[in-house]
Amino acid sequence: MNIINFSGGRTSAYMTKRLIDEGLKDYLVTFQNTGKELPQTLDFINDCDIKWNLKIVWLEYRKPNSFEVVTYQTASRDSRPFNELLDHKKTLPNLQFRYCTLELKIKTLKRYLKSIGITDFISYNGIRYDEPRRWSKTPGDVILPCVKWKVIKKDIIEFWQKQDFDLKLKEPYGNCDLCFLKGKSKLSIIANEKPDLFNWWIEKENLTGYQFKKEITYNQLLEKSKNQLGLFDNDPEFECFCNID
C-alpha cells in the first residue's frame, strides 16, 4: 500500500496531485490533524479533497495511545489532539524532544493503518529538492518524490498560480500556528499581528512549568515583541510538518 502523507502545505498537495496523475496505484491519502492548524489549512485540505477527489482520511490522536477517524466538518479546531497528548505526557515537546510530530502525526497514522490490517506500506512525504536540510534527515524508508523530480519552491509557486484555488496563508504563518520550531523572528511578527494565538502556548507553559523553547517563554517572547520588530532577526528556525510551502 502507498501512503501519501498530506501535511496541508502547498508542496504536499502538489506531490499528491502529481503522484496520482502519473499513475500511482493502491494509494491512501491521509492527514493527521493536531488541532493547532490554522483554519486556512483545514479549508485548503478540504478544497484539494473535493476538487481532486482524493478521499483523504482525516485522523486525530486520542490519549493515551489511540486515534480517531474524523472529517473536515468534525476535525478539532480547539487543540483537542494536542491537549490530550500533553495531558498524557505531562511535559512539553521542544527542539530536543519533538514528540508532538512522532505522536500526533507518525504514530497516529501507524495505529490507524494497523487497525485496518495494513502493516506493510510505503510512505510519501512532500519535501522539495531545495530543502536539503530536511531531506538529508529523512529515514530511508520514506520516499520523497519532489526530491526525485528536483522540484524547487519556484515550481510550486508556478503550479499554484495556475490553479483556481490556493492555500490562503503566507509567511511567517505555518499550518501549526506557533510551532516552536519557528525562529523567534517569525514568531515576533505574528505576536504583533495576531497576539491571541499566543494564549494557548502561554497557558501550557504556565500549567506544566516547562517551556517549548529553552531560552525564552512564549509570554516573554510576546512581551519583548511589542513595538520591537527586528529584535530576533537571524534567529534560526527548524523544519517540520507544519510548513505551508
Protein backbone atom coordinates (compact mmCIF):
# COMPACT_ATOMS: atom_id res chain seq x y z
CA MET A 1 0.00 0.00 0.00
CA ASN A 2 1.21 3.50 -0.86
CA ILE A 3 0.54 6.08 1.87
CA ILE A 4 0.60 9.73 0.76
CA ASN A 5 1.21 11.97 3.75
CA PHE A 6 -0.77 15.15 3.16
CA SER A 7 0.62 17.78 5.56
CA GLY A 8 -1.65 20.60 4.45
CA GLY A 9 1.09 22.57 2.71
CA ARG A 10 1.39 23.51 -0.95
CA THR A 11 4.23 21.08 -1.70
CA SER A 12 2.49 18.06 -0.21
CA ALA A 13 -0.64 18.95 -2.19
CA TYR A 14 1.42 19.26 -5.38
CA MET A 15 3.12 15.93 -4.67
CA THR A 16 -0.23 14.23 -4.06
CA LYS A 17 -1.76 15.51 -7.29
CA ARG A 18 1.27 14.63 -9.40
CA LEU A 19 1.69 11.14 -7.95
CA ILE A 20 -1.92 10.31 -8.77
CA ASP A 21 -1.81 11.96 -12.20
CA GLU A 22 1.31 9.96 -13.05
CA GLY A 23 -0.43 6.69 -12.25
CA LEU A 24 0.32 5.74 -8.64
CA LYS A 25 -1.87 2.78 -7.70
CA ASP A 26 -3.05 1.30 -4.41
CA TYR A 27 -2.72 4.55 -2.52
CA LEU A 28 -4.30 6.15 0.51
CA VAL A 29 -4.09 9.88 1.26
CA THR A 30 -4.01 10.75 4.95
CA PHE A 31 -3.91 13.89 7.06
CA GLN A 32 -3.24 13.86 10.80
CA ASN A 33 -4.87 16.88 12.44
CA THR A 34 -3.17 18.22 15.58
CA GLY A 35 -5.90 20.70 16.46
CA LYS A 36 -3.38 23.55 16.22
CA GLU A 37 -3.65 24.03 12.47
CA LEU A 38 -4.87 27.40 11.30
CA PRO A 39 -8.38 27.33 9.76
CA GLN A 40 -6.97 28.15 6.32
CA THR A 41 -5.03 24.88 6.35
CA LEU A 42 -8.12 22.78 7.01
CA ASP A 43 -10.02 24.68 4.32
CA PHE A 44 -7.19 24.08 1.82
CA ILE A 45 -7.08 20.35 2.54
CA ASN A 46 -10.82 20.12 2.08
CA ASP A 47 -10.63 22.08 -1.19
CA CYS A 48 -7.96 19.70 -2.53
CA ASP A 49 -10.03 16.73 -1.39
CA ILE A 50 -13.17 17.91 -3.18
CA LYS A 51 -11.61 19.30 -6.36
CA TRP A 52 -9.25 16.36 -6.90
CA ASN A 53 -11.42 13.58 -5.41
CA LEU A 54 -8.63 12.45 -3.09
CA LYS A 55 -10.82 10.73 -0.46
CA ILE A 56 -8.49 11.93 2.28
CA VAL A 57 -8.60 10.04 5.57
CA TRP A 58 -8.59 12.58 8.42
CA LEU A 59 -7.05 11.28 11.65
CA GLU A 60 -6.55 12.60 15.17
CA TYR A 61 -4.57 11.42 18.18
CA ARG A 62 -6.52 10.26 21.22
CA LYS A 63 -4.94 9.56 24.61
CA PRO A 64 -3.33 7.52 25.87
CA ASN A 65 -2.23 5.78 22.67
CA SER A 66 -5.11 5.74 20.25
CA PHE A 67 -6.68 7.63 17.35
CA GLU A 68 -10.00 8.67 15.86
CA VAL A 69 -11.10 8.99 12.25
CA VAL A 70 -12.67 12.42 11.75
CA THR A 71 -13.74 14.58 8.82
CA TYR A 72 -13.28 18.16 7.68
CA GLN A 73 -16.52 19.01 9.46
CA THR A 74 -15.69 17.21 12.73
CA ALA A 75 -11.92 17.82 12.87
CA SER A 76 -10.81 19.56 16.05
CA ARG A 77 -10.39 23.32 15.87
CA ASP A 78 -9.90 23.63 19.63
CA SER A 79 -6.49 21.94 20.07
CA ARG A 80 -8.06 18.70 21.37
CA PRO A 81 -5.47 16.21 19.98
CA PHE A 82 -2.53 18.31 21.21
CA ASN A 83 -4.25 18.90 24.57
CA GLU A 84 -4.80 15.18 25.07
CA LEU A 85 -1.19 14.42 24.19
CA LEU A 86 0.12 16.98 26.70
CA ASP A 87 -2.25 15.63 29.36
CA HIS A 88 -0.80 12.18 28.75
CA LYS A 89 2.87 13.20 28.61
CA LYS A 90 2.79 15.73 31.49
CA THR A 91 5.57 17.69 29.80
CA LEU A 92 6.06 19.83 26.69
CA PRO A 93 7.77 18.98 23.40
CA ASN A 94 10.80 21.04 22.42
CA LEU A 95 13.61 21.13 19.88
CA GLN A 96 15.44 18.23 21.54
CA PHE A 97 12.29 16.20 22.30
CA ARG A 98 9.94 16.61 19.36
CA TYR A 99 7.42 14.03 20.46
CA CYS A 100 4.49 16.02 19.04
CA THR A 101 5.38 15.09 15.46
CA LEU A 102 6.06 11.50 16.47
CA GLU A 103 2.81 11.02 18.38
CA LEU A 104 0.34 13.32 16.61
CA LYS A 105 1.49 12.52 13.09
CA ILE A 106 3.59 9.37 12.67
CA LYS A 107 2.27 7.03 15.36
CA THR A 108 -1.33 8.14 14.84
CA LEU A 109 -1.05 7.13 11.20
CA LYS A 110 0.57 3.78 12.04
CA ARG A 111 -2.13 2.99 14.59
CA TYR A 112 -4.83 3.66 12.04
CA LEU A 113 -3.14 1.57 9.35
CA LYS A 114 -2.68 -1.32 11.77
CA SER A 115 -6.39 -1.11 12.65
CA ILE A 116 -7.35 -1.71 9.02
CA GLY A 117 -4.83 -4.50 8.56
CA ILE A 118 -2.04 -2.58 6.82
CA THR A 119 1.41 -3.30 8.22
CA ASP A 120 3.43 -3.19 5.01
CA PHE A 121 3.36 0.19 3.29
CA ILE A 122 5.42 2.84 1.52
CA SER A 123 5.27 6.45 2.77
CA TYR A 124 5.49 9.50 0.50
CA ASN A 125 6.38 12.88 2.01
CA GLY A 126 6.30 16.31 0.39
CA ILE A 127 9.82 17.69 0.77
CA ARG A 128 11.34 19.74 -2.06
CA TYR A 129 14.70 19.34 -3.78
CA ASP A 130 15.80 22.76 -2.48
CA GLU A 131 15.30 21.66 1.14
CA PRO A 132 18.42 19.51 1.65
CA ARG A 133 18.44 20.12 5.38
CA ARG A 134 15.08 18.37 5.56
CA TRP A 135 15.53 15.52 3.11
CA SER A 136 19.03 14.65 4.32
CA LYS A 137 17.48 13.69 7.68
CA THR A 138 14.53 11.75 6.29
CA PRO A 139 14.51 7.99 7.08
CA GLY A 140 15.43 5.78 4.16
CA ASP A 141 12.06 4.04 4.16
CA VAL A 142 10.27 7.27 3.20
CA ILE A 143 10.04 8.25 -0.47
CA LEU A 144 10.47 11.91 -1.43
CA PRO A 145 9.05 12.32 -4.94
CA CYS A 146 9.72 16.07 -5.14
CA VAL A 147 13.41 15.46 -4.43
CA LYS A 148 13.48 12.84 -7.19
CA TRP A 149 11.69 15.25 -9.54
CA LYS A 150 14.07 18.08 -8.47
CA VAL A 151 11.09 20.30 -7.65
CA ILE A 152 12.01 23.64 -6.06
CA LYS A 153 9.91 26.38 -4.48
CA LYS A 154 9.66 28.27 -7.77
CA ASP A 155 7.98 25.23 -9.35
CA ILE A 156 5.45 25.04 -6.52
CA ILE A 157 4.61 28.74 -6.80
CA GLU A 158 4.11 28.47 -10.56
CA PHE A 159 1.89 25.42 -10.15
CA TRP A 160 -0.43 27.16 -7.71
CA GLN A 161 -0.59 30.30 -9.80
CA LYS A 162 -2.26 28.17 -12.46
CA GLN A 163 -4.87 26.70 -10.11
CA ASP A 164 -8.28 28.17 -9.32
CA PHE A 165 -7.68 27.86 -5.55
CA ASP A 166 -4.75 28.06 -3.14
CA LEU A 167 -3.73 27.89 0.50
CA LYS A 168 -4.68 31.28 1.93
CA LEU A 169 -1.62 31.59 4.15
CA LYS A 170 1.68 33.38 3.66
CA GLU A 171 4.89 33.58 5.65
CA PRO A 172 5.55 33.85 8.52
CA TYR A 173 2.45 31.76 9.22
CA GLY A 174 2.54 27.98 9.14
CA ASN A 175 -0.04 25.26 9.29
CA CYS A 176 0.62 24.75 13.02
CA ASP A 177 0.01 28.27 14.29
CA LEU A 178 3.02 28.95 16.56
CA CYS A 179 5.20 25.87 16.18
CA PHE A 180 8.21 26.12 18.49
CA LEU A 181 10.46 25.17 15.57
CA LYS A 182 9.79 28.57 14.05
CA GLY A 183 12.52 31.15 14.60
CA LYS A 184 11.79 33.84 17.17
CA SER A 185 11.88 36.48 14.43
CA LYS A 186 8.85 34.94 12.70
CA LEU A 187 7.05 34.38 15.98
CA SER A 188 7.70 38.02 16.84
CA ILE A 189 5.96 39.18 13.66
CA ILE A 190 2.94 37.02 14.49
CA ALA A 191 2.98 38.37 18.04
CA ASN A 192 2.34 41.84 16.68
CA GLU A 193 -0.24 40.77 14.11
CA LYS A 194 -2.17 38.06 15.98
CA PRO A 195 -1.19 38.12 19.68
CA ASP A 196 -4.21 35.99 20.64
CA LEU A 197 -2.52 32.97 19.05
CA PHE A 198 -0.04 33.03 21.94
CA ASN A 199 -2.70 32.32 24.57
CA TRP A 200 -2.67 28.53 24.22
CA TRP A 201 1.13 28.27 24.21
CA ILE A 202 1.49 30.54 27.26
CA GLU A 203 -1.22 28.61 29.11
CA LYS A 204 0.52 25.27 28.53
CA GLU A 205 3.87 26.62 29.73
CA ASN A 206 2.23 28.06 32.86
CA LEU A 207 0.32 24.86 33.61
CA THR A 208 3.26 22.47 33.18
CA GLY A 209 6.17 24.60 34.32
CA TYR A 210 8.05 23.59 31.16
CA GLN A 211 8.98 25.63 28.08
CA PHE A 212 8.63 24.98 24.34
CA LYS A 213 11.80 27.00 23.75
CA LYS A 214 14.58 26.51 26.30
CA GLU A 215 15.88 30.08 26.08
CA ILE A 216 12.61 32.00 26.31
CA THR A 217 8.99 31.52 27.33
CA TYR A 218 6.17 32.36 24.94
CA ASN A 219 4.97 35.05 27.33
CA GLN A 220 8.43 36.67 27.33
CA LEU A 221 8.55 36.42 23.56
CA LEU A 222 5.16 38.10 23.27
CA GLU A 223 6.11 40.92 25.65
CA LYS A 224 9.52 41.53 24.06
CA SER A 225 7.94 41.64 20.60
CA LYS A 226 5.71 44.60 21.39
CA ASN A 227 6.96 47.54 19.34
CA GLN A 228 10.33 45.83 18.88
CA LEU A 229 10.18 44.30 15.42
CA GLY A 230 13.59 43.07 14.31
CA LEU A 231 14.66 42.16 17.84
CA PHE A 232 15.10 38.49 16.94
CA ASP A 233 16.36 38.84 13.38
CA ASN A 234 18.57 35.96 12.20
CA ASP A 235 17.28 33.61 14.88
CA PRO A 236 17.46 30.07 13.44
CA GLU A 237 14.37 28.01 12.69
CA PHE A 238 13.89 24.33 12.03
CA GLU A 239 11.75 22.46 9.52
CA CYS A 240 8.76 20.35 10.42
CA PHE A 241 5.45 19.08 9.03
CA CYS A 242 3.82 22.45 9.58
CA ASN A 243 5.40 24.18 6.56
CA ILE A 244 2.94 25.96 4.26
CA ASP A 245 5.22 25.67 1.18
